[in-house]
Protein backbone atom coordinates (compact mmCIF):
# COMPACT_ATOMS: atom_id res chain seq x y z
CA MET A 1 -5.97 3.92 5.97
CA THR A 2 -7.30 7.10 4.00
CA ILE A 3 -10.26 8.83 4.24
CA GLN A 4 -11.85 8.77 0.72
CA ALA A 5 -14.95 11.14 1.11
CA ILE A 6 -12.62 14.04 1.71
CA ASN A 7 -10.38 15.35 -1.16
CA VAL A 8 -7.16 16.17 0.60
CA ARG A 9 -3.86 14.91 -1.00
CA ASN A 10 -1.78 15.13 2.02
CA GLN A 11 -2.76 12.73 4.86
CA PHE A 12 -0.60 11.90 7.63
CA LYS A 13 -1.49 8.97 9.94
CA GLY A 14 -0.14 9.46 13.54
CA HIS A 15 -0.80 9.74 17.32
CA VAL A 16 -1.71 12.69 19.63
CA ARG A 17 1.52 13.46 21.24
CA GLU A 18 0.53 16.82 23.10
CA ILE A 19 -2.71 18.88 23.77
CA VAL A 20 -2.18 22.47 24.90
CA ARG A 21 -5.94 23.33 25.84
CA GLY A 22 -7.21 26.70 25.67
CA ASP A 23 -10.52 28.27 26.61
CA VAL A 24 -11.67 28.56 22.85
CA VAL A 25 -8.87 27.02 20.87
CA SER A 26 -6.17 24.29 21.52
CA GLU A 27 -3.16 22.92 19.77
CA ILE A 28 -2.73 19.37 18.91
CA ASP A 29 0.80 17.96 18.29
CA VAL A 30 0.49 14.84 16.21
CA GLU A 31 3.47 12.56 15.79
CA THR A 32 3.91 11.00 12.45
CA PRO A 33 6.52 9.07 10.82
CA TRP A 34 7.52 12.16 8.90
CA GLY A 35 7.77 14.69 11.96
CA VAL A 36 5.36 16.46 14.22
CA VAL A 37 2.16 18.28 12.62
CA THR A 38 0.52 21.01 14.68
CA SER A 39 -3.26 21.70 14.24
CA VAL A 40 -5.10 24.57 15.97
CA ILE A 41 -8.82 23.33 16.49
CA THR A 42 -11.65 24.45 18.63
CA THR A 43 -11.45 22.86 22.27
CA ARG A 44 -15.01 21.83 21.77
CA SER A 45 -13.76 19.96 18.93
CA VAL A 46 -11.06 18.31 21.15
CA ASP A 47 -13.90 17.20 23.46
CA ASP A 48 -16.11 15.89 20.72
CA LEU A 49 -13.75 13.81 19.33
CA GLY A 50 -12.42 12.53 22.68
CA LEU A 51 -8.83 13.43 21.95
CA VAL A 52 -6.28 12.46 24.40
CA VAL A 53 -2.51 11.93 24.42
CA GLY A 54 -2.05 8.71 22.47
CA THR A 55 -5.21 8.94 20.15
CA GLU A 56 -4.71 7.72 16.75
CA VAL A 57 -5.49 10.42 14.30
CA VAL A 58 -5.04 11.44 10.55
CA ALA A 59 -4.03 14.94 9.97
CA LEU A 60 -5.42 16.25 6.74
CA VAL A 61 -3.15 19.20 5.34
CA LYS A 62 -4.40 21.68 2.70
CA SER A 63 -2.25 24.87 2.22
CA THR A 64 -2.01 26.27 5.68
CA GLU A 65 -4.99 24.33 7.06
CA VAL A 66 -4.48 21.29 9.05
CA SER A 67 -7.67 19.29 10.07
CA LEU A 68 -8.02 16.13 12.36
CA ALA A 69 -10.02 13.10 12.13
CA ARG A 70 -9.92 10.11 14.68
CA LEU A 71 -9.39 6.70 13.31
C-alpha cells in the first residue's frame, strides 16, 4: 500500500520497533524489510497517531526528512 496523496518517492512499510519518548520530541525506530528507519517526531504526534511498539506504519523519506503515517 502506498499513500497516493503525498508525492514522496521513498515509502518504506514497516512496524514500530522502538519508541524513545522525550518531553517534546521522540525517536521512532521502524523495522522495514530493508533495515531500520529512524524518525524524530513530536511526542504529541506519537500520542495522536497512537503509536506503540508493533504498530504498522509507512516511513516517508524525502532528503533528510522522515515522516510517518499510520496504516
